[in-house]
Amino acid sequence: MIVWGGSRNPPPNFDSGGRYTPGPARDEDGDGIQNAADNCPFLANPDQGDVDSDFVGDACDLDDGLILIGLADDSRVEWQQEAGFESFNWYRGDLAVLKSTGQSTQDPAMVPLAARACGLSCPFIDDTFEPPSGDGVFYLVAGVHMGIEGSLGADSSGAPRWNAAPCP
């Protein structure tokens, strides 16, 4: 990088400058964003999402109202331990049912691919279920505070997801 500067008054002097070579770039979390520009430098957050605009990336922000879900391996579903919740409700749904009915949560007694687990105190669940070939499932998690379930987030159009088959 070349840095060039000077002063305008008095007299104009714009002839000072030099080359600057920064030290080796560091990317602690391996997400392709250097630490100096990363809004979550120790946890991968490649899209640099920041839903509440507090300059803390969603991947490490535990008080933004957003619960990120991920698959740790073939059988473990994990999510953020978002602040303010004593427990979590986990839902698995059938993608085909979601597409045809819009139901984000589905009754496991009526939909074979659906499942739910209520009042989980840890931010993960082991789900060894394997959908049949050609079928797909999705996961949702809602935080629970003082016995009241929070939001399931919004669908792709921005509308709040409704809970047709809530935890008891």
C-alpha atoms as a PDB file:
ATOM      1  CA  MET A   1       0.000   0.000   0.000  1.00  0.00           C
ATOM      2  CA  ILE A   2       1.242   3.512  -0.744  1.00  0.00           C
ATOM      3  CA  VAL A   3       0.455   6.275   1.756  1.00  0.00           C
ATOM      4  CA  TRP A   4       0.810   9.844   0.476  1.00  0.00           C
ATOM      5  CA  GLY A   5      -0.012  13.014   2.318  1.00  0.00           C
ATOM      6  CA  GLY A   6       0.968  16.508   3.241  1.00  0.00           C
ATOM      7  CA  SER A   7      -0.550  19.798   4.226  1.00  0.00           C
ATOM      8  CA  ARG A   8      -2.391  22.457   2.289  1.00  0.00           C
ATOM      9  CA  ASN A   9      -1.622  25.476   4.410  1.00  0.00           C
ATOM     10  CA  PRO A  10       1.084  27.139   4.321  1.00  0.00           C
ATOM     11  CA  PRO A  11       2.633  26.501   1.761  1.00  0.00           C
ATOM     12  CA  PRO A  12       1.081  23.548  -0.065  1.00  0.00           C
ATOM     13  CA  ASN A  13       3.264  20.543   0.538  1.00  0.00           C
ATOM     14  CA  PHE A  14       2.008  17.251  -0.922  1.00  0.00           C
ATOM     15  CA  ASP A  15       5.319  15.569  -1.472  1.00  0.00           C
ATOM     16  CA  SER A  16       5.682  13.357   1.593  1.00  0.00           C
ATOM     17  CA  GLY A  17       4.731   9.719   1.611  1.00  0.00           C
ATOM     18  CA  GLY A  18       6.005   6.202   1.573  1.00  0.00           C
ATOM     19  CA  ARG A  19       5.275   2.536   1.206  1.00  0.00           C
ATOM     20  CA  TYR A  20       3.500   0.614   3.945  1.00  0.00           C
ATOM     21  CA  THR A  21       3.656  -3.158   4.181  1.00  0.00           C
ATOM     22  CA  PRO A  22       1.337  -4.629   6.800  1.00  0.00           C
ATOM     23  CA  GLY A  23       2.407  -7.674   8.784  1.00  0.00           C
ATOM     24  CA  PRO A  24       1.121 -11.105   7.853  1.00  0.00           C
ATOM     25  CA  ALA A  25      -2.651 -11.228   7.575  1.00  0.00           C
ATOM     26  CA  ARG A  26      -4.332 -13.279  10.276  1.00  0.00           C
ATOM     27  CA  ASP A  27      -7.572 -15.185   9.902  1.00  0.00           C
ATOM     28  CA  GLU A  28      -8.018 -17.017  13.217  1.00  0.00           C
ATOM     29  CA  ASP A  29     -11.352 -18.625  12.308  1.00  0.00           C
ATOM     30  CA  GLY A  30     -10.457 -19.584   8.739  1.00  0.00           C
ATOM     31  CA  ASP A  31     -13.517 -17.964   7.156  1.00  0.00           C
ATOM     32  CA  GLY A  32     -11.542 -15.962   4.599  1.00  0.00           C
ATOM     33  CA  ILE A  33     -12.014 -12.617   6.384  1.00  0.00           C
ATOM     34  CA  GLN A  34      -8.892 -11.201   8.055  1.00  0.00           C
ATOM     35  CA  ASN A  35      -9.190 -10.589  11.803  1.00  0.00           C
ATOM     36  CA  ALA A  36      -8.944  -6.799  11.421  1.00  0.00           C
ATOM     37  CA  ALA A  37     -12.097  -6.734   9.273  1.00  0.00           C
ATOM     38  CA  ASP A  38     -13.900  -9.741  10.804  1.00  0.00           C
ATOM     39  CA  ASN A  39     -16.963  -9.007  12.942  1.00  0.00           C
ATOM     40  CA  CYS A  40     -16.504 -12.364  14.675  1.00  0.00           C
ATOM     41  CA  PRO A  41     -12.741 -13.094  14.498  1.00  0.00           C
ATOM     42  CA  PHE A  42     -12.652 -16.346  16.469  1.00  0.00           C
ATOM     43  CA  LEU A  43     -15.739 -18.086  15.027  1.00  0.00           C
ATOM     44  CA  ALA A  44     -16.315 -18.640  11.294  1.00  0.00           C
ATOM     45  CA  ASN A  45     -18.801 -16.120   9.926  1.00  0.00           C
ATOM     46  CA  PRO A  46     -18.020 -15.896   6.185  1.00  0.00           C
ATOM     47  CA  ASP A  47     -21.095 -13.848   5.273  1.00  0.00           C
ATOM     48  CA  GLN A  48     -20.352 -11.372   8.100  1.00  0.00           C
ATOM     49  CA  GLY A  49     -24.054 -11.340   9.030  1.00  0.00           C
ATOM     50  CA  ASP A  50     -25.006  -8.884  11.790  1.00  0.00           C
ATOM     51  CA  VAL A  51     -28.795  -8.891  12.140  1.00  0.00           C
ATOM     52  CA  ASP A  52     -28.867  -6.321  14.971  1.00  0.00           C
ATOM     53  CA  SER A  53     -26.133  -4.048  13.521  1.00  0.00           C
ATOM     54  CA  ASP A  54     -24.062  -4.032  16.719  1.00  0.00           C
ATOM     55  CA  PHE A  55     -20.800  -4.873  14.888  1.00  0.00           C
ATOM     56  CA  VAL A  56     -20.733  -8.333  16.490  1.00  0.00           C
ATOM     57  CA  GLY A  57     -21.229 -11.106  13.933  1.00  0.00           C
ATOM     58  CA  ASP A  58     -24.299 -13.310  14.223  1.00  0.00           C
ATOM     59  CA  ALA A  59     -22.114 -16.409  14.596  1.00  0.00           C
ATOM     60  CA  CYS A  60     -20.799 -15.164  17.964  1.00  0.00           C
ATOM     61  CA  ASP A  61     -23.547 -12.730  19.036  1.00  0.00           C
ATOM     62  CA  LEU A  62     -25.554 -14.384  21.803  1.00  0.00           C
ATOM     63  CA  ASP A  63     -27.982 -11.523  22.457  1.00  0.00           C
ATOM     64  CA  ASP A  64     -29.288 -10.616  19.001  1.00  0.00           C
ATOM     65  CA  GLY A  65     -32.486 -12.708  19.097  1.00  0.00           C
ATOM     66  CA  LEU A  66     -31.197 -14.953  16.304  1.00  0.00           C
ATOM     67  CA  ILE A  67     -30.513 -18.637  16.954  1.00  0.00           C
ATOM     68  CA  LEU A  68     -28.197 -20.084  14.303  1.00  0.00           C
ATOM     69  CA  ILE A  69     -28.478 -23.838  13.709  1.00  0.00           C
ATOM     70  CA  GLY A  70     -25.779 -26.075  12.289  1.00  0.00           C
ATOM     71  CA  LEU A  71     -25.014 -29.722  11.710  1.00  0.00           C
ATOM     72  CA  ALA A  72     -21.945 -30.747  13.682  1.00  0.00           C
ATOM     73  CA  ASP A  73     -21.823 -34.135  11.982  1.00  0.00           C
ATOM     74  CA  ASP A  74     -24.216 -36.709  10.489  1.00  0.00           C
ATOM     75  CA  SER A  75     -26.256 -37.011  13.678  1.00  0.00           C
ATOM     76  CA  ARG A  76     -25.816 -33.892  15.841  1.00  0.00           C
ATOM     77  CA  VAL A  77     -27.813 -30.696  15.393  1.00  0.00           C
ATOM     78  CA  GLU A  78     -26.353 -27.737  17.305  1.00  0.00           C
ATOM     79  CA  TRP A  79     -27.532 -24.174  17.873  1.00  0.00           C
ATOM     80  CA  GLN A  80     -26.428 -21.035  19.658  1.00  0.00           C
ATOM     81  CA  GLN A  81     -26.974 -20.726  23.391  1.00  0.00           C
ATOM     82  CA  GLU A  82     -28.790 -17.428  22.911  1.00  0.00           C
ATOM     83  CA  ALA A  83     -28.965 -15.340  26.097  1.00  0.00           C
ATOM     84  CA  GLY A  84     -32.238 -14.975  27.973  1.00  0.00           C
ATOM     85  CA  PHE A  85     -33.579 -18.510  27.451  1.00  0.00           C
ATOM     86  CA  GLU A  86     -33.694 -21.248  30.060  1.00  0.00           C
ATOM     87  CA  SER A  87     -34.436 -23.980  27.525  1.00  0.00           C
ATOM     88  CA  PHE A  88     -35.051 -24.651  23.840  1.00  0.00           C
ATOM     89  CA  ASN A  89     -37.687 -26.401  21.733  1.00  0.00           C
ATOM     90  CA  TRP A  90     -36.361 -28.270  18.700  1.00  0.00           C
ATOM     91  CA  TYR A  91     -38.440 -29.130  15.637  1.00  0.00           C
ATOM     92  CA  ARG A  92     -37.706 -31.314  12.607  1.00  0.00           C
ATOM     93  CA  GLY A  93     -40.052 -30.997   9.646  1.00  0.00           C
ATOM     94  CA  ASP A  94     -40.723 -32.543   6.261  1.00  0.00           C
ATOM     95  CA  LEU A  95     -39.711 -30.201   3.422  1.00  0.00           C
ATOM     96  CA  ALA A  96     -42.476 -31.498   1.144  1.00  0.00           C
ATOM     97  CA  VAL A  97     -45.109 -30.722   3.793  1.00  0.00           C
ATOM     98  CA  LEU A  98     -43.602 -27.265   4.334  1.00  0.00           C
ATOM     99  CA  LYS A  99     -43.760 -26.556   0.592  1.00  0.00           C
ATOM    100  CA  SER A 100     -47.337 -27.785   0.192  1.00  0.00           C
ATOM    101  CA  THR A 101     -48.894 -26.396   3.403  1.00  0.00           C
ATOM    102  CA  GLY A 102     -46.525 -23.717   4.697  1.00  0.00           C
ATOM    103  CA  GLN A 103     -46.477 -25.441   8.101  1.00  0.00           C
ATOM    104  CA  SER A 104     -43.138 -24.753   9.749  1.00  0.00           C
ATOM    105  CA  THR A 105     -43.842 -27.121  12.623  1.00  0.00           C
ATOM    106  CA  GLN A 106     -45.590 -30.398  11.990  1.00  0.00           C
ATOM    107  CA  ASP A 107     -47.317 -32.929  14.236  1.00  0.00           C
ATOM    108  CA  PRO A 108     -45.082 -36.016  14.519  1.00  0.00           C
ATOM    109  CA  ALA A 109     -48.205 -38.189  14.875  1.00  0.00           C
ATOM    110  CA  MET A 110     -49.380 -37.033  11.431  1.00  0.00           C
ATOM    111  CA  VAL A 111     -46.108 -36.423   9.533  1.00  0.00           C
ATOM    112  CA  PRO A 112     -43.644 -39.355   9.612  1.00  0.00           C
ATOM    113  CA  LEU A 113     -40.531 -37.201   9.023  1.00  0.00           C
ATOM    114  CA  ALA A 114     -41.476 -34.687  11.727  1.00  0.00           C
ATOM    115  CA  ALA A 115     -40.157 -34.722  15.293  1.00  0.00           C
ATOM    116  CA  ARG A 116     -39.870 -32.376  18.225  1.00  0.00           C
ATOM    117  CA  ALA A 117     -38.061 -32.209  21.541  1.00  0.00           C
ATOM    118  CA  CYS A 118     -39.230 -29.797  24.191  1.00  0.00           C
ATOM    119  CA  GLY A 119     -37.493 -28.088  27.091  1.00  0.00           C
ATOM    120  CA  LEU A 120     -33.921 -28.936  26.110  1.00  0.00           C
ATOM    121  CA  SER A 121     -31.370 -27.331  28.424  1.00  0.00           C
ATOM    122  CA  CYS A 122     -28.356 -27.963  26.177  1.00  0.00           C
ATOM    123  CA  PRO A 123     -27.850 -26.350  22.744  1.00  0.00           C
ATOM    124  CA  PHE A 124     -27.766 -29.589  20.745  1.00  0.00           C
ATOM    125  CA  ILE A 125     -29.635 -32.793  20.034  1.00  0.00           C
ATOM    126  CA  ASP A 126     -28.501 -36.064  18.535  1.00  0.00           C
ATOM    127  CA  ASP A 127     -30.805 -36.899  15.636  1.00  0.00           C
ATOM    128  CA  THR A 128     -29.885 -40.197  13.993  1.00  0.00           C
ATOM    129  CA  PHE A 129     -32.972 -40.169  11.751  1.00  0.00           C
ATOM    130  CA  GLU A 130     -32.146 -40.563   8.063  1.00  0.00           C
ATOM    131  CA  PRO A 131     -34.870 -39.450   5.659  1.00  0.00           C
ATOM    132  CA  PRO A 132     -35.717 -41.829   2.824  1.00  0.00           C
ATOM    133  CA  SER A 133     -33.970 -41.212  -0.484  1.00  0.00           C
ATOM    134  CA  GLY A 134     -35.537 -38.241  -2.272  1.00  0.00           C
ATOM    135  CA  ASP A 135     -37.038 -36.741   0.901  1.00  0.00           C
ATOM    136  CA  GLY A 136     -35.677 -33.811   2.870  1.00  0.00           C
ATOM    137  CA  VAL A 137     -36.021 -32.417   6.358  1.00  0.00           C
ATOM    138  CA  PHE A 138     -35.335 -29.062   7.998  1.00  0.00           C
ATOM    139  CA  TYR A 139     -34.745 -27.940  11.577  1.00  0.00           C
ATOM    140  CA  LEU A 140     -36.049 -25.064  13.669  1.00  0.00           C
ATOM    141  CA  VAL A 141     -35.220 -24.072  17.242  1.00  0.00           C
ATOM    142  CA  ALA A 142     -37.100 -21.673  19.507  1.00  0.00           C
ATOM    143  CA  GLY A 143     -35.868 -20.360  22.839  1.00  0.00           C
ATOM    144  CA  VAL A 144     -38.094 -20.681  25.903  1.00  0.00           C
ATOM    145  CA  HIS A 145     -38.136 -18.071  28.669  1.00  0.00           C
ATOM    146  CA  MET A 146     -40.281 -18.533  31.769  1.00  0.00           C
ATOM    147  CA  GLY A 147     -42.257 -21.264  29.997  1.00  0.00           C
ATOM    148  CA  ILE A 148     -43.081 -19.110  26.966  1.00  0.00           C
ATOM    149  CA  GLU A 149     -41.725 -20.124  23.583  1.00  0.00           C
ATOM    150  CA  GLY A 150     -40.051 -17.407  21.549  1.00  0.00           C
ATOM    151  CA  SER A 151     -40.097 -16.844  17.819  1.00  0.00           C
ATOM    152  CA  LEU A 152     -39.308 -19.426  15.164  1.00  0.00           C
ATOM    153  CA  GLY A 153     -37.920 -16.618  13.021  1.00  0.00           C
ATOM    154  CA  ALA A 154     -39.157 -15.562   9.608  1.00  0.00           C
ATOM    155  CA  ASP A 155     -39.643 -17.447   6.366  1.00  0.00           C
ATOM    156  CA  SER A 156     -37.899 -16.512   3.128  1.00  0.00           C
ATOM    157  CA  SER A 157     -40.510 -13.848   2.390  1.00  0.00           C
ATOM    158  CA  GLY A 158     -39.923 -12.223   5.782  1.00  0.00           C
ATOM    159  CA  ALA A 159     -43.229 -13.369   7.319  1.00  0.00           C
ATOM    160  CA  PRO A 160     -43.065 -14.787  10.858  1.00  0.00           C
ATOM    161  CA  ARG A 161     -43.202 -18.585  10.974  1.00  0.00           C
ATOM    162  CA  TRP A 162     -46.316 -19.820  12.706  1.00  0.00           C
ATOM    163  CA  ASN A 163     -46.240 -22.806  15.005  1.00  0.00           C
ATOM    164  CA  ALA A 164     -48.962 -25.268  13.961  1.00  0.00           C
ATOM    165  CA  ALA A 165     -47.677 -28.062  16.235  1.00  0.00           C
ATOM    166  CA  PRO A 166     -46.027 -26.434  19.272  1.00  0.00           C
ATOM    167  CA  CYS A 167     -44.371 -28.226  22.130  1.00  0.00           C
ATOM    168  CA  PRO A 168     -46.760 -29.062  24.941  1.00  0.00           C
END
